[in-house]
Amino acid sequence: MEKVKLKSFLGTTQAPADTEQRENYWQLIGKSGEIIDANENHDGRVLVLFDNNLDDYDLESHNPVKNSLWIRLSDLAIEG
């Protein structure tokens, strides 16, 4: 699969001021992972398995694969 780095989240690099800790995915900007599902049926998002443990950031993740999130392709930079 393809290695990527999160460069933004929802098109921005900073979380809105009222963002709850459990939804502050902006903490992952600069973190790497790999695309494990590139099914484009998810509103232009791909499933990224992060190298980091999302529990360490107190983030919610409802995906069946631990430490993975659906991320917009436009928020990712290809590594390599």
Protein backbone atom coordinates (compact mmCIF):
# COMPACT_ATOMS: atom_id res chain seq x y z
CA MET A 1 0.00 0.00 0.00
CA GLU A 2 0.96 3.64 -0.34
CA LYS A 3 2.73 5.59 2.45
CA VAL A 4 1.23 9.00 3.19
CA LYS A 5 1.58 11.89 5.63
CA LEU A 6 -1.31 13.98 6.92
CA LYS A 7 -0.79 17.58 5.76
CA SER A 8 -4.18 18.97 6.83
CA PHE A 9 -7.53 17.81 8.17
CA LEU A 10 -10.79 18.86 6.52
CA GLY A 11 -8.67 21.23 4.42
CA THR A 12 -7.23 23.21 7.34
CA THR A 13 -4.13 22.96 9.49
CA GLN A 14 -5.64 24.14 12.79
CA ALA A 15 -8.61 22.86 14.73
CA PRO A 16 -11.52 25.22 15.35
CA ALA A 17 -11.41 26.72 18.86
CA ASP A 18 -14.47 24.74 20.01
CA THR A 19 -13.10 21.33 18.94
CA GLU A 20 -13.40 18.63 21.60
CA GLN A 21 -10.25 16.66 22.42
CA ARG A 22 -11.76 13.39 21.17
CA GLU A 23 -12.39 15.00 17.76
CA ASN A 24 -9.14 16.96 17.43
CA TYR A 25 -7.72 14.98 14.51
CA TRP A 26 -5.56 18.00 13.63
CA GLN A 27 -3.10 16.60 16.22
CA LEU A 28 -2.17 14.02 13.58
CA ILE A 29 -0.88 16.57 11.05
CA GLY A 30 2.64 15.56 10.14
CA LYS A 31 2.03 11.94 11.15
CA SER A 32 2.51 9.10 8.69
CA GLY A 33 0.55 6.03 7.79
CA GLU A 34 -0.48 3.96 4.83
CA ILE A 35 -3.59 3.79 2.70
CA ILE A 36 -5.21 0.43 3.35
CA ASP A 37 -8.49 1.04 1.52
CA ALA A 38 -8.69 3.35 -1.47
CA ASN A 39 -12.37 2.74 -2.17
CA GLU A 40 -13.53 6.09 -3.53
CA ASN A 41 -17.12 5.49 -2.41
CA HIS A 42 -16.43 7.34 0.83
CA ASP A 43 -16.83 10.94 -0.35
CA GLY A 44 -13.28 11.19 -1.70
CA ARG A 45 -11.76 9.64 1.41
CA VAL A 46 -9.37 6.75 1.82
CA LEU A 47 -8.74 4.61 4.89
CA VAL A 48 -5.38 5.48 6.43
CA LEU A 49 -3.75 3.21 8.99
CA PHE A 50 -1.61 5.54 11.08
CA ASP A 51 1.78 4.52 12.45
CA ASN A 52 0.74 6.13 15.75
CA ASN A 53 -1.68 4.72 18.30
CA LEU A 54 -4.77 6.96 18.17
CA ASP A 55 -5.54 6.11 21.80
CA ASP A 56 -2.41 8.06 22.77
CA TYR A 57 -4.16 11.18 21.42
CA ASP A 58 -7.51 10.38 23.09
CA LEU A 59 -9.17 10.37 19.66
CA GLU A 60 -12.37 8.61 18.70
CA SER A 61 -12.14 5.99 16.00
CA HIS A 62 -15.18 3.98 14.96
CA ASN A 63 -13.40 1.99 12.28
CA PRO A 64 -13.02 -1.79 12.51
CA VAL A 65 -9.25 -1.45 11.90
CA LYS A 66 -7.54 0.00 15.00
CA ASN A 67 -5.62 3.27 14.42
CA SER A 68 -7.30 3.96 11.08
CA LEU A 69 -9.34 6.93 9.90
CA TRP A 70 -11.13 7.88 6.70
CA ILE A 71 -9.17 10.88 5.39
CA ARG A 72 -9.76 13.06 2.33
CA LEU A 73 -7.17 12.46 -0.38
CA SER A 74 -6.65 16.22 -0.55
CA ASP A 75 -5.45 16.19 3.09
CA LEU A 76 -2.68 13.69 2.34
CA ALA A 77 0.83 13.97 0.92
CA ILE A 78 2.37 10.92 -0.70
CA GLU A 79 5.65 9.91 0.95
CA GLY A 80 8.63 8.50 -0.83
